[in-house]
Amino acid sequence: MRHPSVILIGAPPMIGKTTIARRLAAGLDYGTMSTDDLGQSIRAVTTPDSHPNLHLMSGIDYREYYVSRSTERLIQDAENQHQASCLPSKQLSVARGLGRPHRHRGLDVDA
């Protein structure tokens, strides 16, 4: 039986997507990549001053974040984070003042 090349799993926060993905990946001998991992990589090459929408949850317990905010606020924050994370790699490097290509925590950033 042939397995798909990519499997996407989507659901609300804190429902167990990562747990399911890791178990499924182990059973199929696949690797996993989480949007949380991508966000962490992007945040590693930006700052709260240069990209505040990418650092909304810095220093905040994520469980409290989801429980204490209105649905409208969560949607707006998600839209802001998505828009901010779609920056071309050149903009990310300029934000950090990098004038040359470099590699940081698995994220290639070209100047």
C-alpha atoms as a PDB file:
ATOM      1  CA  MET A   1       0.000   0.000   0.000  1.00  0.00           C
ATOM      2  CA  ARG A   2       1.354   3.414  -0.952  1.00  0.00           C
ATOM      3  CA  HIS A   3       1.298   6.164   1.691  1.00  0.00           C
ATOM      4  CA  PRO A   4       0.885   9.880   0.935  1.00  0.00           C
ATOM      5  CA  SER A   5       4.019  12.062   0.807  1.00  0.00           C
ATOM      6  CA  VAL A   6       2.627  14.647   3.205  1.00  0.00           C
ATOM      7  CA  ILE A   7      -0.067  14.374   5.855  1.00  0.00           C
ATOM      8  CA  LEU A   8      -1.500  17.582   7.283  1.00  0.00           C
ATOM      9  CA  ILE A   9      -3.326  17.521  10.606  1.00  0.00           C
ATOM     10  CA  GLY A  10      -5.359  20.523  11.672  1.00  0.00           C
ATOM     11  CA  ALA A  11      -7.509  21.129  14.730  1.00  0.00           C
ATOM     12  CA  PRO A  12      -8.018  23.662  17.533  1.00  0.00           C
ATOM     13  CA  PRO A  13      -5.183  24.356  19.998  1.00  0.00           C
ATOM     14  CA  MET A  14      -4.401  21.823  22.741  1.00  0.00           C
ATOM     15  CA  ILE A  15      -6.429  18.988  21.232  1.00  0.00           C
ATOM     16  CA  GLY A  16      -3.537  16.566  20.648  1.00  0.00           C
ATOM     17  CA  LYS A  17      -2.441  17.221  17.044  1.00  0.00           C
ATOM     18  CA  THR A  18       1.252  16.839  17.857  1.00  0.00           C
ATOM     19  CA  THR A  19       0.690  13.619  19.805  1.00  0.00           C
ATOM     20  CA  ILE A  20      -1.313  12.098  16.964  1.00  0.00           C
ATOM     21  CA  ALA A  21       1.187  13.304  14.354  1.00  0.00           C
ATOM     22  CA  ARG A  22       4.152  11.809  16.215  1.00  0.00           C
ATOM     23  CA  ARG A  23       2.432   8.448  16.657  1.00  0.00           C
ATOM     24  CA  LEU A  24       1.322   8.371  13.040  1.00  0.00           C
ATOM     25  CA  ALA A  25       4.791   9.388  11.835  1.00  0.00           C
ATOM     26  CA  ALA A  26       6.430   6.682  13.947  1.00  0.00           C
ATOM     27  CA  GLY A  27       4.076   4.049  12.547  1.00  0.00           C
ATOM     28  CA  LEU A  28       4.754   5.136   8.959  1.00  0.00           C
ATOM     29  CA  ASP A  29       8.455   5.877   9.484  1.00  0.00           C
ATOM     30  CA  TYR A  30       7.887   9.556   8.605  1.00  0.00           C
ATOM     31  CA  GLY A  31       9.431  12.694  10.024  1.00  0.00           C
ATOM     32  CA  THR A  32       7.291  15.417  11.564  1.00  0.00           C
ATOM     33  CA  MET A  33       7.280  19.185  11.335  1.00  0.00           C
ATOM     34  CA  SER A  34       5.063  21.324  13.479  1.00  0.00           C
ATOM     35  CA  THR A  35       3.915  24.859  12.762  1.00  0.00           C
ATOM     36  CA  ASP A  36       5.125  25.529  16.313  1.00  0.00           C
ATOM     37  CA  ASP A  37       8.620  24.470  15.189  1.00  0.00           C
ATOM     38  CA  LEU A  38       8.435  26.813  12.209  1.00  0.00           C
ATOM     39  CA  GLY A  39       7.259  29.668  14.408  1.00  0.00           C
ATOM     40  CA  GLN A  40      10.052  29.030  16.885  1.00  0.00           C
ATOM     41  CA  SER A  41      12.608  29.127  14.072  1.00  0.00           C
ATOM     42  CA  ILE A  42      11.254  32.409  12.751  1.00  0.00           C
ATOM     43  CA  ARG A  43      11.142  33.918  16.247  1.00  0.00           C
ATOM     44  CA  ALA A  44      14.783  32.893  16.722  1.00  0.00           C
ATOM     45  CA  VAL A  45      15.854  35.280  13.951  1.00  0.00           C
ATOM     46  CA  THR A  46      13.528  38.162  14.843  1.00  0.00           C
ATOM     47  CA  THR A  47      12.922  40.274  17.934  1.00  0.00           C
ATOM     48  CA  PRO A  48       9.749  41.449  19.697  1.00  0.00           C
ATOM     49  CA  ASP A  49      10.662  44.993  18.609  1.00  0.00           C
ATOM     50  CA  SER A  50      11.125  44.113  14.935  1.00  0.00           C
ATOM     51  CA  HIS A  51       8.168  41.694  14.656  1.00  0.00           C
ATOM     52  CA  PRO A  52       5.811  42.021  17.662  1.00  0.00           C
ATOM     53  CA  ASN A  53       3.122  39.848  16.055  1.00  0.00           C
ATOM     54  CA  LEU A  54       5.523  36.903  15.982  1.00  0.00           C
ATOM     55  CA  HIS A  55       6.268  37.235  19.693  1.00  0.00           C
ATOM     56  CA  LEU A  56       2.744  37.624  21.103  1.00  0.00           C
ATOM     57  CA  MET A  57       3.094  34.699  23.498  1.00  0.00           C
ATOM     58  CA  SER A  58       6.649  35.351  24.693  1.00  0.00           C
ATOM     59  CA  GLY A  59       6.723  34.804  28.437  1.00  0.00           C
ATOM     60  CA  ILE A  60       3.057  33.769  28.564  1.00  0.00           C
ATOM     61  CA  ASP A  61       1.703  30.361  29.526  1.00  0.00           C
ATOM     62  CA  TYR A  62       0.030  29.309  26.258  1.00  0.00           C
ATOM     63  CA  ARG A  63      -2.808  27.551  28.103  1.00  0.00           C
ATOM     64  CA  GLU A  64      -3.668  30.768  29.917  1.00  0.00           C
ATOM     65  CA  TYR A  65      -3.378  32.681  26.636  1.00  0.00           C
ATOM     66  CA  TYR A  66      -6.054  30.550  24.937  1.00  0.00           C
ATOM     67  CA  VAL A  67      -8.378  30.447  27.932  1.00  0.00           C
ATOM     68  CA  SER A  68      -8.227  34.138  28.835  1.00  0.00           C
ATOM     69  CA  ARG A  69      -8.786  35.709  25.394  1.00  0.00           C
ATOM     70  CA  SER A  70     -11.987  36.135  23.426  1.00  0.00           C
ATOM     71  CA  THR A  71     -12.554  34.194  20.224  1.00  0.00           C
ATOM     72  CA  GLU A  72     -12.319  37.433  18.259  1.00  0.00           C
ATOM     73  CA  ARG A  73      -8.965  38.286  19.849  1.00  0.00           C
ATOM     74  CA  LEU A  74      -7.590  34.796  19.177  1.00  0.00           C
ATOM     75  CA  ILE A  75      -8.632  35.035  15.523  1.00  0.00           C
ATOM     76  CA  GLN A  76      -7.064  38.488  15.163  1.00  0.00           C
ATOM     77  CA  ASP A  77      -3.836  37.348  16.828  1.00  0.00           C
ATOM     78  CA  ALA A  78      -3.694  34.278  14.553  1.00  0.00           C
ATOM     79  CA  GLU A  79      -4.189  36.436  11.467  1.00  0.00           C
ATOM     80  CA  ASN A  80      -1.474  38.841  12.636  1.00  0.00           C
ATOM     81  CA  GLN A  81       0.950  35.985  13.356  1.00  0.00           C
ATOM     82  CA  HIS A  82       0.235  34.378   9.991  1.00  0.00           C
ATOM     83  CA  GLN A  83       0.777  37.621   8.112  1.00  0.00           C
ATOM     84  CA  ALA A  84       3.983  38.334  10.025  1.00  0.00           C
ATOM     85  CA  SER A  85       5.361  34.821   9.429  1.00  0.00           C
ATOM     86  CA  CYS A  86       4.888  35.132   5.652  1.00  0.00           C
ATOM     87  CA  LEU A  87       7.721  37.658   5.352  1.00  0.00           C
ATOM     88  CA  PRO A  88      10.291  36.913   2.659  1.00  0.00           C
ATOM     89  CA  SER A  89      13.554  35.632   4.120  1.00  0.00           C
ATOM     90  CA  LYS A  90      15.329  38.834   3.035  1.00  0.00           C
ATOM     91  CA  GLN A  91      13.034  40.914   5.257  1.00  0.00           C
ATOM     92  CA  LEU A  92      13.729  38.629   8.199  1.00  0.00           C
ATOM     93  CA  SER A  93      17.486  39.036   7.758  1.00  0.00           C
ATOM     94  CA  VAL A  94      17.237  42.805   7.360  1.00  0.00           C
ATOM     95  CA  ALA A  95      15.173  42.979  10.553  1.00  0.00           C
ATOM     96  CA  ARG A  96      18.089  41.387  12.394  1.00  0.00           C
ATOM     97  CA  GLY A  97      20.700  43.530  10.610  1.00  0.00           C
ATOM     98  CA  LEU A  98      22.245  40.546   8.863  1.00  0.00           C
ATOM     99  CA  GLY A  99      24.149  41.322   5.703  1.00  0.00           C
ATOM    100  CA  ARG A 100      25.078  37.799   4.709  1.00  0.00           C
ATOM    101  CA  PRO A 101      23.320  34.456   4.460  1.00  0.00           C
ATOM    102  CA  HIS A 102      23.380  32.450   7.653  1.00  0.00           C
ATOM    103  CA  ARG A 103      21.735  29.436   9.204  1.00  0.00           C
ATOM    104  CA  HIS A 104      20.070  29.577  12.608  1.00  0.00           C
ATOM    105  CA  ARG A 105      18.192  26.709  14.260  1.00  0.00           C
ATOM    106  CA  GLY A 106      17.275  25.101  10.968  1.00  0.00           C
ATOM    107  CA  LEU A 107      15.934  28.223   9.240  1.00  0.00           C
ATOM    108  CA  ASP A 108      17.867  29.446   6.201  1.00  0.00           C
ATOM    109  CA  VAL A 109      17.918  33.216   6.020  1.00  0.00           C
ATOM    110  CA  ASP A 110      19.301  34.864   2.886  1.00  0.00           C
ATOM    111  CA  ALA A 111      20.285  38.510   2.847  1.00  0.00           C
END
